[in-house]
Amino acid sequence: AAFIDAENALDPEYAKALGVNIDELLLSQPDYGEQGLQIAEKLITSGAVDLVVIDSVAALVPKAEIDGEIGDSSVGLQARMMSQAMRKLAGHINKTKTTAIFINQLREKVGVMFGSPETTPGG
């Protein structure tokens, strides 16, 4: 199994207590979103693992956003990155029968009067 820890928050001791075999777990902590998704793609296409967990979609920040200045507009960058990645990965996941788990966050939009105020980052 592989764990792509985009949040840099994996606690090995807690994972071990939950029954995760840390010694057999492939762990990656990517610097930016595209890197994490490229690692996932390589792991999936290689067929070397049967499970890939990405934690989390919200933490897969595009390189352009990381390299930019605080306050720069980055509207839609993450959603486009995720959309492209899912189109690329879907066929590989099916072909290799790899299980891919994408963890995301549920956030609430402030001031929504009608409809659901819940939203997920990254599309």
PDB file of N, CA and C in Angstrom:
ATOM      1  N   ALA A   1       0.840  -1.185   0.000  1.00  0.00           N
ATOM      2  CA  ALA A   1       0.000   0.000   0.000  1.00  0.00           C
ATOM      3  C   ALA A   1       0.885   1.249   0.000  1.00  0.00           C
ATOM      4  N   ALA A   2       0.323   2.328  -0.511  1.00  0.00           N
ATOM      5  CA  ALA A   2       1.046   3.601  -0.560  1.00  0.00           C
ATOM      6  C   ALA A   2       0.168   4.699   0.028  1.00  0.00           C
ATOM      7  N   PHE A   3       0.804   5.629   0.720  1.00  0.00           N
ATOM      8  CA  PHE A   3       0.100   6.751   1.338  1.00  0.00           C
ATOM      9  C   PHE A   3       0.775   8.031   0.877  1.00  0.00           C
ATOM     10  N   ILE A   4       0.032   8.855   0.155  1.00  0.00           N
ATOM     11  CA  ILE A   4       0.549  10.145  -0.302  1.00  0.00           C
ATOM     12  C   ILE A   4       0.024  11.190   0.678  1.00  0.00           C
ATOM     13  N   ASP A   5       0.911  11.654   1.527  1.00  0.00           N
ATOM     14  CA  ASP A   5       0.566  12.516   2.656  1.00  0.00           C
ATOM     15  C   ASP A   5       0.781  13.984   2.300  1.00  0.00           C
ATOM     16  N   ALA A   6      -0.129  14.526   1.505  1.00  0.00           N
ATOM     17  CA  ALA A   6      -0.016  15.925   1.082  1.00  0.00           C
ATOM     18  C   ALA A   6      -0.179  16.878   2.259  1.00  0.00           C
ATOM     19  N   GLU A   7      -0.858  16.427   3.311  1.00  0.00           N
ATOM     20  CA  GLU A   7      -1.059  17.272   4.493  1.00  0.00           C
ATOM     21  C   GLU A   7       0.140  17.229   5.443  1.00  0.00           C
ATOM     22  N   ASN A   8       1.083  16.325   5.194  1.00  0.00           N
ATOM     23  CA  ASN A   8       2.226  16.144   6.099  1.00  0.00           C
ATOM     24  C   ASN A   8       1.760  15.936   7.535  1.00  0.00           C
ATOM     25  N   ALA A   9       0.765  15.072   7.690  1.00  0.00           N
ATOM     26  CA  ALA A   9       0.153  14.910   8.998  1.00  0.00           C
ATOM     27  C   ALA A   9       0.076  13.456   9.464  1.00  0.00           C
ATOM     28  N   LEU A  10       0.661  12.525   8.726  1.00  0.00           N
ATOM     29  CA  LEU A  10       0.584  11.125   9.133  1.00  0.00           C
ATOM     30  C   LEU A  10       1.352  10.916  10.436  1.00  0.00           C
ATOM     31  N   ASP A  11       0.687  10.309  11.389  1.00  0.00           N
ATOM     32  CA  ASP A  11       1.308   9.960  12.666  1.00  0.00           C
ATOM     33  C   ASP A  11       1.603   8.459  12.632  1.00  0.00           C
ATOM     34  N   PRO A  12       2.863   8.082  12.412  1.00  0.00           N
ATOM     35  CA  PRO A  12       3.194   6.660  12.279  1.00  0.00           C
ATOM     36  C   PRO A  12       2.787   5.814  13.491  1.00  0.00           C
ATOM     37  N   GLU A  13       2.934   6.353  14.679  1.00  0.00           N
ATOM     38  CA  GLU A  13       2.576   5.594  15.886  1.00  0.00           C
ATOM     39  C   GLU A  13       1.071   5.336  15.944  1.00  0.00           C
ATOM     40  N   TYR A  14       0.294   6.347  15.603  1.00  0.00           N
ATOM     41  CA  TYR A  14      -1.163   6.181  15.602  1.00  0.00           C
ATOM     42  C   TYR A  14      -1.579   5.204  14.504  1.00  0.00           C
ATOM     43  N   ALA A  15      -0.969   5.322  13.333  1.00  0.00           N
ATOM     44  CA  ALA A  15      -1.276   4.401  12.232  1.00  0.00           C
ATOM     45  C   ALA A  15      -0.944   2.969  12.639  1.00  0.00           C
ATOM     46  N   LYS A  16       0.190   2.794  13.307  1.00  0.00           N
ATOM     47  CA  LYS A  16       0.590   1.462  13.776  1.00  0.00           C
ATOM     48  C   LYS A  16      -0.434   0.922  14.778  1.00  0.00           C
ATOM     49  N   ALA A  17      -0.909   1.793  15.668  1.00  0.00           N
ATOM     50  CA  ALA A  17      -1.908   1.386  16.659  1.00  0.00           C
ATOM     51  C   ALA A  17      -3.221   0.970  15.998  1.00  0.00           C
ATOM     52  N   LEU A  18      -3.490   1.529  14.810  1.00  0.00           N
ATOM     53  CA  LEU A  18      -4.705   1.174  14.071  1.00  0.00           C
ATOM     54  C   LEU A  18      -4.522  -0.090  13.230  1.00  0.00           C
ATOM     55  N   GLY A  19      -3.318  -0.645  13.230  1.00  0.00           N
ATOM     56  CA  GLY A  19      -3.072  -1.880  12.503  1.00  0.00           C
ATOM     57  C   GLY A  19      -2.354  -1.722  11.182  1.00  0.00           C
ATOM     58  N   VAL A  20      -1.893  -0.519  10.867  1.00  0.00           N
ATOM     59  CA  VAL A  20      -1.158  -0.293   9.619  1.00  0.00           C
ATOM     60  C   VAL A  20       0.268  -0.817   9.785  1.00  0.00           C
ATOM     61  N   ASN A  21       0.715  -1.610   8.822  1.00  0.00           N
ATOM     62  CA  ASN A  21       2.087  -2.111   8.830  1.00  0.00           C
ATOM     63  C   ASN A  21       2.983  -1.020   8.239  1.00  0.00           C
ATOM     64  N   ILE A  22       3.498  -0.177   9.091  1.00  0.00           N
ATOM     65  CA  ILE A  22       4.301   0.980   8.683  1.00  0.00           C
ATOM     66  C   ILE A  22       5.548   0.555   7.905  1.00  0.00           C
ATOM     67  N   ASP A  23       6.120  -0.585   8.259  1.00  0.00           N
ATOM     68  CA  ASP A  23       7.338  -1.051   7.588  1.00  0.00           C
ATOM     69  C   ASP A  23       7.092  -1.385   6.120  1.00  0.00           C
ATOM     70  N   GLU A  24       5.864  -1.747   5.770  1.00  0.00           N
ATOM     71  CA  GLU A  24       5.519  -2.111   4.392  1.00  0.00           C
ATOM     72  C   GLU A  24       4.850  -0.964   3.631  1.00  0.00           C
ATOM     73  N   LEU A  25       4.556   0.132   4.319  1.00  0.00           N
ATOM     74  CA  LEU A  25       3.839   1.254   3.714  1.00  0.00           C
ATOM     75  C   LEU A  25       4.798   2.158   2.942  1.00  0.00           C
ATOM     76  N   LEU A  26       4.482   2.415   1.680  1.00  0.00           N
ATOM     77  CA  LEU A  26       5.244   3.395   0.898  1.00  0.00           C
ATOM     78  C   LEU A  26       4.675   4.766   1.232  1.00  0.00           C
ATOM     79  N   LEU A  27       5.502   5.661   1.731  1.00  0.00           N
ATOM     80  CA  LEU A  27       5.050   6.981   2.165  1.00  0.00           C
ATOM     81  C   LEU A  27       5.706   8.059   1.326  1.00  0.00           C
ATOM     82  N   SER A  28       4.890   8.995   0.856  1.00  0.00           N
ATOM     83  CA  SER A  28       5.402  10.138   0.104  1.00  0.00           C
ATOM     84  C   SER A  28       4.776  11.403   0.669  1.00  0.00           C
ATOM     85  N   GLN A  29       5.571  12.447   0.797  1.00  0.00           N
ATOM     86  CA  GLN A  29       5.078  13.749   1.238  1.00  0.00           C
ATOM     87  C   GLN A  29       5.473  14.770   0.171  1.00  0.00           C
ATOM     88  N   PRO A  30       4.626  14.914  -0.853  1.00  0.00           N
ATOM     89  CA  PRO A  30       4.967  15.772  -1.995  1.00  0.00           C
ATOM     90  C   PRO A  30       5.015  17.248  -1.623  1.00  0.00           C
ATOM     91  N   ASP A  31       5.787  17.999  -2.422  1.00  0.00           N
ATOM     92  CA  ASP A  31       5.935  19.434  -2.197  1.00  0.00           C
ATOM     93  C   ASP A  31       4.782  20.240  -2.777  1.00  0.00           C
ATOM     94  N   TYR A  32       4.105  19.700  -3.789  1.00  0.00           N
ATOM     95  CA  TYR A  32       2.985  20.403  -4.430  1.00  0.00           C
ATOM     96  C   TYR A  32       2.060  19.371  -5.077  1.00  0.00           C
ATOM     97  N   GLY A  33       0.882  19.811  -5.464  1.00  0.00           N
ATOM     98  CA  GLY A  33      -0.164  18.915  -5.937  1.00  0.00           C
ATOM     99  C   GLY A  33       0.204  18.058  -7.126  1.00  0.00           C
ATOM    100  N   GLU A  34       0.766  18.667  -8.161  1.00  0.00           N
ATOM    101  CA  GLU A  34       1.108  17.904  -9.363  1.00  0.00           C
ATOM    102  C   GLU A  34       2.090  16.782  -9.042  1.00  0.00           C
ATOM    103  N   GLN A  35       3.030  17.058  -8.155  1.00  0.00           N
ATOM    104  CA  GLN A  35       4.011  16.042  -7.770  1.00  0.00           C
ATOM    105  C   GLN A  35       3.312  14.857  -7.092  1.00  0.00           C
ATOM    106  N   GLY A  36       2.397  15.146  -6.195  1.00  0.00           N
ATOM    107  CA  GLY A  36       1.652  14.083  -5.520  1.00  0.00           C
ATOM    108  C   GLY A  36       0.844  13.239  -6.488  1.00  0.00           C
ATOM    109  N   LEU A  37       0.210  13.895  -7.454  1.00  0.00           N
ATOM    110  CA  LEU A  37      -0.601  13.169  -8.432  1.00  0.00           C
ATOM    111  C   LEU A  37       0.270  12.377  -9.404  1.00  0.00           C
ATOM    112  N   GLN A  38       1.447  12.892  -9.737  1.00  0.00           N
ATOM    113  CA  GLN A  38       2.380  12.140 -10.592  1.00  0.00           C
ATOM    114  C   GLN A  38       2.889  10.896  -9.866  1.00  0.00           C
ATOM    115  N   ILE A  39       3.137  11.015  -8.585  1.00  0.00           N
ATOM    116  CA  ILE A  39       3.561   9.858  -7.786  1.00  0.00           C
ATOM    117  C   ILE A  39       2.443   8.819  -7.775  1.00  0.00           C
ATOM    118  N   ALA A  40       1.207   9.285  -7.561  1.00  0.00           N
ATOM    119  CA  ALA A  40       0.059   8.368  -7.578  1.00  0.00           C
ATOM    120  C   ALA A  40      -0.038   7.664  -8.926  1.00  0.00           C
ATOM    121  N   GLU A  41       0.128   8.421 -10.010  1.00  0.00           N
ATOM    122  CA  GLU A  41       0.044   7.837 -11.350  1.00  0.00           C
ATOM    123  C   GLU A  41       1.113   6.757 -11.546  1.00  0.00           C
ATOM    124  N   LYS A  42       2.344   7.035 -11.129  1.00  0.00           N
ATOM    125  CA  LYS A  42       3.425   6.052 -11.295  1.00  0.00           C
ATOM    126  C   LYS A  42       3.169   4.796 -10.472  1.00  0.00           C
ATOM    127  N   LEU A  43       2.702   4.978  -9.255  1.00  0.00           N
ATOM    128  CA  LEU A  43       2.401   3.823  -8.409  1.00  0.00           C
ATOM    129  C   LEU A  43       1.282   2.977  -9.011  1.00  0.00           C
ATOM    130  N   ILE A  44       0.247   3.644  -9.508  1.00  0.00           N
ATOM    131  CA  ILE A  44      -0.902   2.930 -10.071  1.00  0.00           C
ATOM    132  C   ILE A  44      -0.520   2.219 -11.361  1.00  0.00           C
ATOM    133  N   THR A  45       0.151   2.917 -12.274  1.00  0.00           N
ATOM    134  CA  THR A  45       0.490   2.302 -13.566  1.00  0.00           C
ATOM    135  C   THR A  45       1.507   1.173 -13.415  1.00  0.00           C
ATOM    136  N   SER A  46       2.338   1.233 -12.386  1.00  0.00           N
ATOM    137  CA  SER A  46       3.341   0.181 -12.184  1.00  0.00           C
ATOM    138  C   SER A  46       2.711  -1.125 -11.718  1.00  0.00           C
ATOM    139  N   GLY A  47       1.548  -1.028 -11.087  1.00  0.00           N
ATOM    140  CA  GLY A  47       0.922  -2.224 -10.531  1.00  0.00           C
ATOM    141  C   GLY A  47       1.645  -2.738  -9.295  1.00  0.00           C
ATOM    142  N   ALA A  48       2.568  -1.950  -8.758  1.00  0.00           N
ATOM    143  CA  ALA A  48       3.383  -2.371  -7.609  1.00  0.00           C
ATOM    144  C   ALA A  48       2.603  -2.389  -6.301  1.00  0.00           C
ATOM    145  N   VAL A  49       1.530  -1.619  -6.236  1.00  0.00           N
ATOM    146  CA  VAL A  49       0.716  -1.574  -5.017  1.00  0.00           C
ATOM    147  C   VAL A  49      -0.741  -1.824  -5.382  1.00  0.00           C
ATOM    148  N   ASP A  50      -1.490  -2.331  -4.416  1.00  0.00           N
ATOM    149  CA  ASP A  50      -2.909  -2.562  -4.668  1.00  0.00           C
ATOM    150  C   ASP A  50      -3.789  -1.473  -4.065  1.00  0.00           C
ATOM    151  N   LEU A  51      -3.185  -0.583  -3.277  1.00  0.00           N
ATOM    152  CA  LEU A  51      -3.930   0.495  -2.633  1.00  0.00           C
ATOM    153  C   LEU A  51      -3.082   1.762  -2.614  1.00  0.00           C
ATOM    154  N   VAL A  52      -3.687   2.882  -3.045  1.00  0.00           N
ATOM    155  CA  VAL A  52      -3.049   4.196  -2.967  1.00  0.00           C
ATOM    156  C   VAL A  52      -4.030   5.128  -2.259  1.00  0.00           C
ATOM    157  N   VAL A  53      -3.581   5.749  -1.173  1.00  0.00           N
ATOM    158  CA  VAL A  53      -4.400   6.706  -0.429  1.00  0.00           C
ATOM    159  C   VAL A  53      -3.784   8.083  -0.607  1.00  0.00           C
ATOM    160  N   ILE A  54      -4.608   9.062  -0.995  1.00  0.00           N
ATOM    161  CA  ILE A  54      -4.153  10.444  -1.155  1.00  0.00           C
ATOM    162  C   ILE A  54      -4.829  11.276  -0.070  1.00  0.00           C
ATOM    163  N   ASP A  55      -4.046  11.863   0.820  1.00  0.00           N
ATOM    164  CA  ASP A  55      -4.572  12.631   1.943  1.00  0.00           C
ATOM    165  C   ASP A  55      -3.959  14.033   1.928  1.00  0.00           C
ATOM    166  N   SER A  56      -4.621  14.978   1.520  1.00  0.00           N
ATOM    167  CA  SER A  56      -5.992  15.056   1.060  1.00  0.00           C
ATOM    168  C   SER A  56      -6.040  15.884  -0.226  1.00  0.00           C
ATOM    169  N   VAL A  57      -7.178  15.831  -0.887  1.00  0.00           N
ATOM    170  CA  VAL A  57      -7.379  16.627  -2.101  1.00  0.00           C
ATOM    171  C   VAL A  57      -7.176  18.109  -1.782  1.00  0.00           C
ATOM    172  N   ALA A  58      -7.692  18.553  -0.647  1.00  0.00           N
ATOM    173  CA  ALA A  58      -7.572  19.965  -0.260  1.00  0.00           C
ATOM    174  C   ALA A  58      -6.115  20.398  -0.112  1.00  0.00           C
ATOM    175  N   ALA A  59      -5.237  19.460   0.243  1.00  0.00           N
ATOM    176  CA  ALA A  59      -3.819  19.791   0.445  1.00  0.00           C
ATOM    177  C   ALA A  59      -2.989  19.648  -0.829  1.00  0.00           C
ATOM    178  N   LEU A  60      -3.589  19.176  -1.915  1.00  0.00           N
ATOM    179  CA  LEU A  60      -2.876  19.070  -3.195  1.00  0.00           C
ATOM    180  C   LEU A  60      -2.895  20.441  -3.871  1.00  0.00           C
ATOM    181  N   VAL A  61      -2.029  21.310  -3.432  1.00  0.00           N
ATOM    182  CA  VAL A  61      -1.991  22.689  -3.915  1.00  0.00           C
ATOM    183  C   VAL A  61      -1.136  22.755  -5.185  1.00  0.00           C
ATOM    184  N   PRO A  62      -1.685  23.340  -6.266  1.00  0.00           N
ATOM    185  CA  PRO A  62      -0.914  23.444  -7.513  1.00  0.00           C
ATOM    186  C   PRO A  62       0.395  24.222  -7.316  1.00  0.00           C
ATOM    187  N   LYS A  63       1.423  23.822  -8.056  1.00  0.00           N
ATOM    188  CA  LYS A  63       2.743  24.461  -7.962  1.00  0.00           C
ATOM    189  C   LYS A  63       2.663  25.960  -8.253  1.00  0.00           C
ATOM    190  N   ALA A  64       1.833  26.343  -9.227  1.00  0.00           N
ATOM    191  CA  ALA A  64       1.698  27.762  -9.581  1.00  0.00           C
ATOM    192  C   ALA A  64       1.206  28.579  -8.393  1.00  0.00           C
ATOM    193  N   GLU A  65       0.347  27.984  -7.570  1.00  0.00           N
ATOM    194  CA  GLU A  65      -0.154  28.694  -6.395  1.00  0.00           C
ATOM    195  C   GLU A  65       0.934  28.796  -5.326  1.00  0.00           C
ATOM    196  N   ILE A  66       1.700  27.745  -5.145  1.00  0.00           N
ATOM    197  CA  ILE A  66       2.790  27.762  -4.161  1.00  0.00           C
ATOM    198  C   ILE A  66       3.872  28.749  -4.576  1.00  0.00           C
ATOM    199  N   ASP A  67       4.196  28.787  -5.870  1.00  0.00           N
ATOM    200  CA  ASP A  67       5.242  29.678  -6.374  1.00  0.00           C
ATOM    201  C   ASP A  67       4.798  31.135  -6.452  1.00  0.00           C
ATOM    202  N   GLY A  68       3.487  31.376  -6.447  1.00  0.00           N
ATOM    203  CA  GLY A  68       2.968  32.734  -6.564  1.00  0.00           C
ATOM    204  C   GLY A  68       3.088  33.506  -5.263  1.00  0.00           C
ATOM    205  N   GLU A  69       2.694  34.744  -5.339  1.00  0.00           N
ATOM    206  CA  GLU A  69       2.702  35.615  -4.161  1.00  0.00           C
ATOM    207  C   GLU A  69       1.391  35.454  -3.401  1.00  0.00           C
ATOM    208  N   ILE A  70       1.433  35.714  -2.111  1.00  0.00           N
ATOM    209  CA  ILE A  70       0.211  35.698  -1.319  1.00  0.00           C
ATOM    210  C   ILE A  70      -0.711  36.781  -1.863  1.00  0.00           C
ATOM    211  N   GLY A  71      -1.940  36.412  -2.121  1.00  0.00           N
ATOM    212  CA  GLY A  71      -2.909  37.353  -2.679  1.00  0.00           C
ATOM    213  C   GLY A  71      -3.108  37.198  -4.175  1.00  0.00           C
ATOM    214  N   ASP A  72      -2.199  36.474  -4.861  1.00  0.00           N
ATOM    215  CA  ASP A  72      -2.373  36.226  -6.297  1.00  0.00           C
ATOM    216  C   ASP A  72      -3.634  35.401  -6.527  1.00  0.00           C
ATOM    217  N   SER A  73      -4.294  35.651  -7.635  1.00  0.00           N
ATOM    218  CA  SER A  73      -5.488  34.888  -7.986  1.00  0.00           C
ATOM    219  C   SER A  73      -5.091  33.507  -8.492  1.00  0.00           C
ATOM    220  N   SER A  74      -5.737  32.498  -7.942  1.00  0.00           N
ATOM    221  CA  SER A  74      -5.485  31.125  -8.389  1.00  0.00           C
ATOM    222  C   SER A  74      -6.808  30.398  -8.596  1.00  0.00           C
ATOM    223  N   VAL A  75      -7.805  31.155  -9.038  1.00  0.00           N
ATOM    224  CA  VAL A  75      -9.155  30.623  -9.204  1.00  0.00           C
ATOM    225  C   VAL A  75      -9.148  29.449 -10.175  1.00  0.00           C
ATOM    226  N   GLY A  76      -9.667  28.326  -9.730  1.00  0.00           N
ATOM    227  CA  GLY A  76      -9.852  27.168 -10.591  1.00  0.00           C
ATOM    228  C   GLY A  76      -8.626  26.314 -10.849  1.00  0.00           C
ATOM    229  N   LEU A  77      -7.448  26.724 -10.385  1.00  0.00           N
ATOM    230  CA  LEU A  77      -6.232  25.943 -10.658  1.00  0.00           C
ATOM    231  C   LEU A  77      -6.323  24.531 -10.081  1.00  0.00           C
ATOM    232  N   GLN A  78      -6.743  24.435  -8.837  1.00  0.00           N
ATOM    233  CA  GLN A  78      -6.801  23.130  -8.195  1.00  0.00           C
ATOM    234  C   GLN A  78      -7.865  22.246  -8.835  1.00  0.00           C
ATOM    235  N   ALA A  79      -9.018  22.812  -9.145  1.00  0.00           N
ATOM    236  CA  ALA A  79     -10.088  22.034  -9.778  1.00  0.00           C
ATOM    237  C   ALA A  79      -9.649  21.518 -11.147  1.00  0.00           C
ATOM    238  N   ARG A  80      -8.960  22.352 -11.930  1.00  0.00           N
ATOM    239  CA  ARG A  80      -8.458  21.907 -13.241  1.00  0.00           C
ATOM    240  C   ARG A  80      -7.427  20.800 -13.090  1.00  0.00           C
ATOM    241  N   MET A  81      -6.530  20.965 -12.122  1.00  0.00           N
ATOM    242  CA  MET A  81      -5.503  19.951 -11.877  1.00  0.00           C
ATOM    243  C   MET A  81      -6.146  18.611 -11.500  1.00  0.00           C
ATOM    244  N   MET A  82      -7.118  18.649 -10.607  1.00  0.00           N
ATOM    245  CA  MET A  82      -7.778  17.421 -10.168  1.00  0.00           C
ATOM    246  C   MET A  82      -8.585  16.786 -11.292  1.00  0.00           C
ATOM    247  N   SER A  83      -9.251  17.609 -12.077  1.00  0.00           N
ATOM    248  CA  SER A  83     -10.048  17.095 -13.192  1.00  0.00           C
ATOM    249  C   SER A  83      -9.163  16.366 -14.196  1.00  0.00           C
ATOM    250  N   GLN A  84      -8.041  16.977 -14.543  1.00  0.00           N
ATOM    251  CA  GLN A  84      -7.108  16.349 -15.481  1.00  0.00           C
ATOM    252  C   GLN A  84      -6.549  15.053 -14.890  1.00  0.00           C
ATOM    253  N   ALA A  85      -6.189  15.085 -13.627  1.00  0.00           N
ATOM    254  CA  ALA A  85      -5.625  13.898 -12.978  1.00  0.00           C
ATOM    255  C   ALA A  85      -6.629  12.754 -12.959  1.00  0.00           C
ATOM    256  N   MET A  86      -7.876  13.053 -12.649  1.00  0.00           N
ATOM    257  CA  MET A  86      -8.881  11.995 -12.588  1.00  0.00           C
ATOM    258  C   MET A  86      -9.125  11.385 -13.962  1.00  0.00           C
ATOM    259  N   ARG A  87      -9.109  12.216 -14.997  1.00  0.00           N
ATOM    260  CA  ARG A  87      -9.268  11.679 -16.361  1.00  0.00           C
ATOM    261  C   ARG A  87      -8.110  10.746 -16.698  1.00  0.00           C
ATOM    262  N   LYS A  88      -6.893  11.119 -16.305  1.00  0.00           N
ATOM    263  CA  LYS A  88      -5.721  10.287 -16.590  1.00  0.00           C
ATOM    264  C   LYS A  88      -5.712   9.015 -15.747  1.00  0.00           C
ATOM    265  N   LEU A  89      -6.053   9.135 -14.478  1.00  0.00           N
ATOM    266  CA  LEU A  89      -5.926   8.007 -13.560  1.00  0.00           C
ATOM    267  C   LEU A  89      -7.020   6.957 -13.713  1.00  0.00           C
ATOM    268  N   ALA A  90      -8.210   7.358 -14.118  1.00  0.00           N
ATOM    269  CA  ALA A  90      -9.352   6.437 -14.148  1.00  0.00           C
ATOM    270  C   ALA A  90      -9.058   5.172 -14.948  1.00  0.00           C
ATOM    271  N   GLY A  91      -8.513   5.313 -16.132  1.00  0.00           N
ATOM    272  CA  GLY A  91      -8.208   4.148 -16.961  1.00  0.00           C
ATOM    273  C   GLY A  91      -7.138   3.260 -16.351  1.00  0.00           C
ATOM    274  N   HIS A  92      -6.104   3.887 -15.789  1.00  0.00           N
ATOM    275  CA  HIS A  92      -5.021   3.122 -15.159  1.00  0.00           C
ATOM    276  C   HIS A  92      -5.531   2.357 -13.933  1.00  0.00           C
ATOM    277  N   ILE A  93      -6.388   3.017 -13.159  1.00  0.00           N
ATOM    278  CA  ILE A  93      -6.958   2.382 -11.968  1.00  0.00           C
ATOM    279  C   ILE A  93      -7.754   1.148 -12.381  1.00  0.00           C
ATOM    280  N   ASN A  94      -8.558   1.290 -13.428  1.00  0.00           N
ATOM    281  CA  ASN A  94      -9.369   0.174 -13.909  1.00  0.00           C
ATOM    282  C   ASN A  94      -8.489  -0.961 -14.436  1.00  0.00           C
ATOM    283  N   LYS A  95      -7.483  -0.609 -15.215  1.00  0.00           N
ATOM    284  CA  LYS A  95      -6.626  -1.622 -15.846  1.00  0.00           C
ATOM    285  C   LYS A  95      -5.823  -2.421 -14.814  1.00  0.00           C
ATOM    286  N   THR A  96      -5.304  -1.733 -13.798  1.00  0.00           N
ATOM    287  CA  THR A  96      -4.455  -2.407 -12.806  1.00  0.00           C
ATOM    288  C   THR A  96      -5.246  -2.919 -11.604  1.00  0.00           C
ATOM    289  N   LYS A  97      -6.526  -2.573 -11.542  1.00  0.00           N
ATOM    290  CA  LYS A  97      -7.395  -2.971 -10.417  1.00  0.00           C
ATOM    291  C   LYS A  97      -6.867  -2.446  -9.081  1.00  0.00           C
ATOM    292  N   THR A  98      -6.225  -1.287  -9.141  1.00  0.00           N
ATOM    293  CA  THR A  98      -5.719  -0.633  -7.934  1.00  0.00           C
ATOM    294  C   THR A  98      -6.866   0.113  -7.261  1.00  0.00           C
ATOM    295  N   THR A  99      -6.918   0.056  -5.949  1.00  0.00           N
ATOM    296  CA  THR A  99      -7.883   0.853  -5.204  1.00  0.00           C
ATOM    297  C   THR A  99      -7.228   2.195  -4.894  1.00  0.00           C
ATOM    298  N   ALA A 100      -7.902   3.276  -5.270  1.00  0.00           N
ATOM    299  CA  ALA A 100      -7.398   4.624  -4.990  1.00  0.00           C
ATOM    300  C   ALA A 100      -8.417   5.337  -4.107  1.00  0.00           C
ATOM    301  N   ILE A 101      -7.964   5.809  -2.967  1.00  0.00           N
ATOM    302  CA  ILE A 101      -8.833   6.523  -2.034  1.00  0.00           C
ATOM    303  C   ILE A 101      -8.350   7.962  -1.957  1.00  0.00           C
ATOM    304  N   PHE A 102      -9.229   8.885  -2.327  1.00  0.00           N
ATOM    305  CA  PHE A 102      -8.938  10.313  -2.244  1.00  0.00           C
ATOM    306  C   PHE A 102      -9.709  10.870  -1.055  1.00  0.00           C
ATOM    307  N   ILE A 103      -8.997  11.311  -0.035  1.00  0.00           N
ATOM    308  CA  ILE A 103      -9.629  11.916   1.135  1.00  0.00           C
ATOM    309  C   ILE A 103      -9.770  13.404   0.853  1.00  0.00           C
ATOM    310  N   ASN A 104     -10.927  13.968   1.200  1.00  0.00           N
ATOM    311  CA  ASN A 104     -11.133  15.403   1.013  1.00  0.00           C
ATOM    312  C   ASN A 104     -11.739  15.980   2.277  1.00  0.00           C
ATOM    313  N   GLN A 105     -11.916  17.263   2.285  1.00  0.00           N
ATOM    314  CA  GLN A 105     -12.502  17.959   3.422  1.00  0.00           C
ATOM    315  C   GLN A 105     -13.855  18.511   3.013  1.00  0.00           C
ATOM    316  N   LEU A 106     -14.737  18.637   3.971  1.00  0.00           N
ATOM    317  CA  LEU A 106     -16.036  19.252   3.745  1.00  0.00           C
ATOM    318  C   LEU A 106     -16.010  20.603   4.448  1.00  0.00           C
ATOM    319  N   ARG A 107     -16.238  21.648   3.678  1.00  0.00           N
ATOM    320  CA  ARG A 107     -16.216  23.002   4.239  1.00  0.00           C
ATOM    321  C   ARG A 107     -17.574  23.642   4.059  1.00  0.00           C
ATOM    322  N   GLU A 108     -17.800  24.706   4.787  1.00  0.00           N
ATOM    323  CA  GLU A 108     -19.081  25.392   4.714  1.00  0.00           C
ATOM    324  C   GLU A 108     -18.882  26.813   4.206  1.00  0.00           C
ATOM    325  N   LYS A 109     -19.670  27.164   3.180  1.00  0.00           N
ATOM    326  CA  LYS A 109     -19.635  28.527   2.648  1.00  0.00           C
ATOM    327  C   LYS A 109     -20.364  29.445   3.624  1.00  0.00           C
ATOM    328  N   VAL A 110     -19.791  30.595   3.863  1.00  0.00           N
ATOM    329  CA  VAL A 110     -20.386  31.556   4.787  1.00  0.00           C
ATOM    330  C   VAL A 110     -21.476  32.347   4.070  1.00  0.00           C
ATOM    331  N   GLY A 111     -22.606  32.547   4.727  1.00  0.00           N
ATOM    332  CA  GLY A 111     -23.652  33.418   4.206  1.00  0.00           C
ATOM    333  C   GLY A 111     -24.554  32.819   3.143  1.00  0.00           C
ATOM    334  N   VAL A 112     -24.549  31.506   2.964  1.00  0.00           N
ATOM    335  CA  VAL A 112     -25.424  30.882   1.964  1.00  0.00           C
ATOM    336  C   VAL A 112     -26.843  30.847   2.517  1.00  0.00           C
ATOM    337  N   MET A 113     -27.775  31.444   1.763  1.00  0.00           N
ATOM    338  CA  MET A 113     -29.166  31.503   2.206  1.00  0.00           C
ATOM    339  C   MET A 113     -29.994  30.355   1.627  1.00  0.00           C
ATOM    340  N   PHE A 114     -29.703  29.966   0.387  1.00  0.00           N
ATOM    341  CA  PHE A 114     -30.481  28.926  -0.280  1.00  0.00           C
ATOM    342  C   PHE A 114     -29.538  27.838  -0.770  1.00  0.00           C
ATOM    343  N   GLY A 115     -29.989  26.608  -0.709  1.00  0.00           N
ATOM    344  CA  GLY A 115     -29.146  25.500  -1.141  1.00  0.00           C
ATOM    345  C   GLY A 115     -28.174  25.103  -0.046  1.00  0.00           C
ATOM    346  N   SER A 116     -27.402  24.111  -0.340  1.00  0.00           N
ATOM    347  CA  SER A 116     -26.462  23.588   0.644  1.00  0.00           C
ATOM    348  C   SER A 116     -25.248  24.511   0.783  1.00  0.00           C
ATOM    349  N   PRO A 117     -24.878  24.825   2.010  1.00  0.00           N
ATOM    350  CA  PRO A 117     -23.684  25.641   2.220  1.00  0.00           C
ATOM    351  C   PRO A 117     -22.394  24.810   2.176  1.00  0.00           C
ATOM    352  N   GLU A 118     -22.533  23.486   2.029  1.00  0.00           N
ATOM    353  CA  GLU A 118     -21.360  22.620   2.052  1.00  0.00           C
ATOM    354  C   GLU A 118     -20.646  22.608   0.706  1.00  0.00           C
ATOM    355  N   THR A 119     -19.323  22.613   0.761  1.00  0.00           N
ATOM    356  CA  THR A 119     -18.505  22.576  -0.449  1.00  0.00           C
ATOM    357  C   THR A 119     -17.248  21.752  -0.180  1.00  0.00           C
ATOM    358  N   THR A 120     -16.676  21.205  -1.251  1.00  0.00           N
ATOM    359  CA  THR A 120     -15.421  20.465  -1.119  1.00  0.00           C
ATOM    360  C   THR A 120     -14.349  21.173  -1.930  1.00  0.00           C
ATOM    361  N   PRO A 121     -13.173  21.385  -1.361  1.00  0.00           N
ATOM    362  CA  PRO A 121     -12.097  22.032  -2.109  1.00  0.00           C
ATOM    363  C   PRO A 121     -11.602  21.134  -3.245  1.00  0.00           C
ATOM    364  N   GLY A 122     -11.165  21.742  -4.321  1.00  0.00           N
ATOM    365  CA  GLY A 122     -10.588  20.987  -5.423  1.00  0.00           C
ATOM    366  C   GLY A 122     -11.585  20.467  -6.428  1.00  0.00           C
ATOM    367  N   GLY A 123     -12.843  20.811  -6.277  1.00  0.00           N
ATOM    368  CA  GLY A 123     -13.851  20.383  -7.253  1.00  0.00           C
ATOM    369  C   GLY A 123     -14.534  19.108  -6.883  1.00  0.00           C
TER     370      GLY A 123
END
